[in-house]
C-alpha atoms as a PDB file:
ATOM      1  CA  MET A   1      12.332  10.022  12.561  1.00  0.00           C
ATOM      2  CA  LYS A   2      15.786   9.333  14.002  1.00  0.00           C
ATOM      3  CA  HIS A   3      14.554   5.983  15.411  1.00  0.00           C
ATOM      4  CA  LEU A   4      13.203   5.054  12.003  1.00  0.00           C
ATOM      5  CA  ILE A   5      16.568   5.726  10.333  1.00  0.00           C
ATOM      6  CA  ILE A   6      18.363   3.656  12.985  1.00  0.00           C
ATOM      7  CA  ALA A   7      15.955   0.802  12.593  1.00  0.00           C
ATOM      8  CA  PHE A   8      16.197   0.897   8.835  1.00  0.00           C
ATOM      9  CA  SER A   9      20.011   0.924   8.980  1.00  0.00           C
ATOM     10  CA  ALA A  10      20.064  -2.070  11.304  1.00  0.00           C
ATOM     11  CA  LEU A  11      17.688  -3.943   9.010  1.00  0.00           C
ATOM     12  CA  LEU A  12      19.843  -3.117   6.031  1.00  0.00           C
ATOM     13  CA  LEU A  13      22.983  -4.333   7.747  1.00  0.00           C
ATOM     14  CA  ALA A  14      21.308  -7.555   8.797  1.00  0.00           C
ATOM     15  CA  ALA A  15      20.084  -8.173   5.246  1.00  0.00           C
ATOM     16  CA  CYS A  16      23.620  -7.720   3.862  1.00  0.00           C
ATOM     17  CA  ALA A  17      25.105 -10.131   6.324  1.00  0.00           C
ATOM     18  CA  GLY A  18      22.255 -12.638   5.946  1.00  0.00           C
ATOM     19  CA  THR A  19      24.144 -15.314   4.064  1.00  0.00           C
ATOM     20  CA  PRO A  20      27.560 -16.183   5.489  1.00  0.00           C
ATOM     21  CA  PRO A  21      30.239 -17.254   3.037  1.00  0.00           C
ATOM     22  CA  PRO A  22      31.206 -20.917   2.732  1.00  0.00           C
ATOM     23  CA  THR A  23      33.567 -22.289   5.355  1.00  0.00           C
ATOM     24  CA  SER A  24      35.248 -24.562   2.796  1.00  0.00           C
ATOM     25  CA  MET A  25      37.629 -23.464   0.115  1.00  0.00           C
ATOM     26  CA  LEU A  26      36.011 -25.667  -2.538  1.00  0.00           C
ATOM     27  CA  ASP A  27      35.284 -23.758  -5.712  1.00  0.00           C
ATOM     28  CA  SER A  28      31.943 -25.557  -6.084  1.00  0.00           C
ATOM     29  CA  ASP A  29      30.823 -24.180  -2.692  1.00  0.00           C
ATOM     30  CA  TRP A  30      31.770 -20.651  -3.720  1.00  0.00           C
ATOM     31  CA  SER A  31      29.968 -21.010  -6.995  1.00  0.00           C
ATOM     32  CA  THR A  32      26.848 -22.075  -5.109  1.00  0.00           C
ATOM     33  CA  PHE A  33      27.247 -19.168  -2.719  1.00  0.00           C
ATOM     34  CA  GLY A  34      27.453 -16.664  -5.580  1.00  0.00           C
ATOM     35  CA  TYR A  35      24.428 -18.210  -7.248  1.00  0.00           C
ATOM     36  CA  GLU A  36      22.339 -18.104  -4.073  1.00  0.00           C
ATOM     37  CA  ARG A  37      23.225 -14.472  -3.391  1.00  0.00           C
ATOM     38  CA  ALA A  38      22.158 -13.464  -6.888  1.00  0.00           C
ATOM     39  CA  MET A  39      18.921 -15.471  -6.667  1.00  0.00           C
ATOM     40  CA  LYS A  40      18.070 -13.459  -3.526  1.00  0.00           C
ATOM     41  CA  GLY A  41      18.664 -10.263  -5.431  1.00  0.00           C
ATOM     42  CA  GLN A  42      21.767  -9.330  -3.454  1.00  0.00           C
ATOM     43  CA  ILE A  43      24.560  -7.355  -5.064  1.00  0.00           C
ATOM     44  CA  ALA A  44      27.873  -9.046  -5.832  1.00  0.00           C
ATOM     45  CA  GLN A  45      30.517  -8.614  -3.246  1.00  0.00           C
ATOM     46  CA  SER A  46      34.104  -7.665  -3.992  1.00  0.00           C
ATOM     47  CA  GLU A  47      36.962 -10.027  -3.517  1.00  0.00           C
ATOM     48  CA  SER A  48      38.353  -7.938  -0.663  1.00  0.00           C
ATOM     49  CA  ARG A  49      34.955  -7.849   1.095  1.00  0.00           C
ATOM     50  CA  LEU A  50      34.579 -11.638   0.919  1.00  0.00           C
ATOM     51  CA  ASP A  51      38.186 -12.075   2.130  1.00  0.00           C
ATOM     52  CA  LYS A  52      37.333  -9.922   5.195  1.00  0.00           C
ATOM     53  CA  LEU A  53      34.363 -12.142   6.016  1.00  0.00           C
ATOM     54  CA  LEU A  54      36.541 -15.227   6.278  1.00  0.00           C
ATOM     55  CA  ASP A  55      37.941 -15.882   9.759  1.00  0.00           C
ATOM     56  CA  ASP A  56      41.434 -17.389   9.488  1.00  0.00           C
ATOM     57  CA  GLN A  57      41.489 -18.218   5.820  1.00  0.00           C
ATOM     58  CA  ASN A  58      42.445 -16.262   2.717  1.00  0.00           C
ATOM     59  CA  LEU A  59      40.095 -16.315  -0.236  1.00  0.00           C
ATOM     60  CA  LYS A  60      41.787 -18.041  -3.194  1.00  0.00           C
ATOM     61  CA  SER A  61      41.584 -16.418  -6.613  1.00  0.00           C
ATOM     62  CA  SER A  62      39.837 -19.554  -7.959  1.00  0.00           C
ATOM     63  CA  ASN A  63      37.247 -19.272  -5.166  1.00  0.00           C
ATOM     64  CA  TYR A  64      36.420 -15.732  -6.190  1.00  0.00           C
ATOM     65  CA  GLN A  65      36.231 -16.664  -9.874  1.00  0.00           C
ATOM     66  CA  ALA A  66      33.869 -19.521  -8.982  1.00  0.00           C
ATOM     67  CA  TYR A  67      31.807 -17.086  -6.891  1.00  0.00           C
ATOM     68  CA  LEU A  68      31.524 -14.711  -9.866  1.00  0.00           C
ATOM     69  CA  THR A  69      30.585 -17.532 -12.222  1.00  0.00           C
ATOM     70  CA  GLY A  70      27.815 -18.714  -9.866  1.00  0.00           C
ATOM     71  CA  TYR A  71      26.699 -15.139  -9.264  1.00  0.00           C
ATOM     72  CA  LYS A  72      26.426 -14.444 -13.002  1.00  0.00           C
ATOM     73  CA  LYS A  73      24.358 -17.568 -13.495  1.00  0.00           C
ATOM     74  CA  GLY A  74      22.016 -16.645 -10.609  1.00  0.00           C
ATOM     75  CA  GLN A  75      21.823 -13.035 -11.786  1.00  0.00           C
ATOM     76  CA  ASN A  76      20.751 -14.083 -15.260  1.00  0.00           C
ATOM     77  CA  GLU A  77      18.010 -16.311 -13.787  1.00  0.00           C
ATOM     78  CA  TYR A  78      16.893 -13.601 -11.279  1.00  0.00           C
ATOM     79  CA  CYS A  79      16.725 -10.979 -14.048  1.00  0.00           C
ATOM     80  CA  SER A  80      14.703 -13.267 -16.316  1.00  0.00           C
ATOM     81  CA  GLN A  81      11.745 -13.344 -13.940  1.00  0.00           C
ATOM     82  CA  ASN A  82       8.729 -11.064 -14.311  1.00  0.00           C
ATOM     83  CA  ALA A  83       9.859  -7.828 -12.612  1.00  0.00           C
ATOM     84  CA  TYR A  84       6.281  -6.555 -12.310  1.00  0.00           C
ATOM     85  CA  ILE A  85       5.223  -9.649 -10.337  1.00  0.00           C
ATOM     86  CA  LEU A  86       8.378  -9.402  -8.196  1.00  0.00           C
ATOM     87  CA  GLY A  87       7.292  -5.835  -7.313  1.00  0.00           C
ATOM     88  CA  VAL A  88       3.718  -6.826  -6.629  1.00  0.00           C
ATOM     89  CA  THR A  89       4.801  -9.604  -4.268  1.00  0.00           C
ATOM     90  CA  GLY A  90       7.275  -7.346  -2.449  1.00  0.00           C
ATOM     91  CA  GLY A  91      10.319  -9.297  -3.543  1.00  0.00           C
ATOM     92  CA  PRO A  92      13.725  -7.639  -3.108  1.00  0.00           C
ATOM     93  CA  TYR A  93      15.370  -5.616  -5.871  1.00  0.00           C
ATOM     94  CA  ASN A  94      18.752  -4.056  -5.311  1.00  0.00           C
ATOM     95  CA  GLY A  95      19.524  -3.009  -8.868  1.00  0.00           C
ATOM     96  CA  ILE A  96      21.356  -6.177  -9.988  1.00  0.00           C
ATOM     97  CA  CYS A  97      19.467  -6.197 -13.327  1.00  0.00           C
ATOM     98  CA  ASP A  98      20.044  -2.569 -14.319  1.00  0.00           C
ATOM     99  CA  LEU A  99      22.854  -3.349 -16.760  1.00  0.00           C
ATOM    100  CA  ILE A 100      21.198  -6.518 -18.076  1.00  0.00           C
ATOM    101  CA  ASP A 101      17.669  -5.148 -18.695  1.00  0.00           C
ATOM    102  CA  TRP A 102      17.147  -1.433 -18.267  1.00  0.00           C
ATOM    103  CA  THR A 103      13.357  -1.925 -18.091  1.00  0.00           C
ATOM    104  CA  PHE A 104      13.551  -4.293 -15.133  1.00  0.00           C
ATOM    105  CA  ARG A 105      13.562  -1.504 -12.513  1.00  0.00           C
ATOM    106  CA  GLU A 106      10.706   0.333 -14.229  1.00  0.00           C
ATOM    107  CA  ASP A 107       8.586  -2.862 -14.333  1.00  0.00           C
ATOM    108  CA  TYR A 108       9.480  -3.680 -10.730  1.00  0.00           C
ATOM    109  CA  ASN A 109       8.507  -0.167  -9.574  1.00  0.00           C
ATOM    110  CA  SER A 110       5.228  -0.408 -11.496  1.00  0.00           C
ATOM    111  CA  GLY A 111       4.412  -3.548  -9.564  1.00  0.00           C
ATOM    112  CA  ARG A 112       5.409  -1.999  -6.229  1.00  0.00           C
ATOM    113  CA  PHE A 113       3.379   1.133  -6.834  1.00  0.00           C
ATOM    114  CA  SER A 114       0.338  -0.763  -8.083  1.00  0.00           C
ATOM    115  CA  THR A 115       0.261  -2.570  -4.741  1.00  0.00           C
ATOM    116  CA  ALA A 116       0.753   0.605  -2.733  1.00  0.00           C
ATOM    117  CA  ASN A 117      -2.079   2.311  -4.603  1.00  0.00           C
ATOM    118  CA  GLY A 118      -4.410  -0.637  -4.209  1.00  0.00           C
ATOM    119  CA  MET A 119      -4.680  -1.415  -7.889  1.00  0.00           C
END
């Protein structure tokens, strides 16, 4: 059981670090980065977290605002998909639609459980 927990933790950490932030400080790149994270079902990162991921640069306020704008656009698109089908196909869901559509998680779980039960 301990090995399973360690393996799961490593997988979770790898998934969180899967998409590195842009190396440029162009707002358009940060908007695209936010959009892509949301379209993968990843949670939005805080400004301080993103700043820590940058090597020798400081995240500009406009970069973070562009990130949030792109993320919101991607989140709206991600949350407009069929949650049941997302669950059936085993797509990721990390709760990013809970405040947009409270039924999303229920529909997603129905799809996941229907696959697990062989329906």
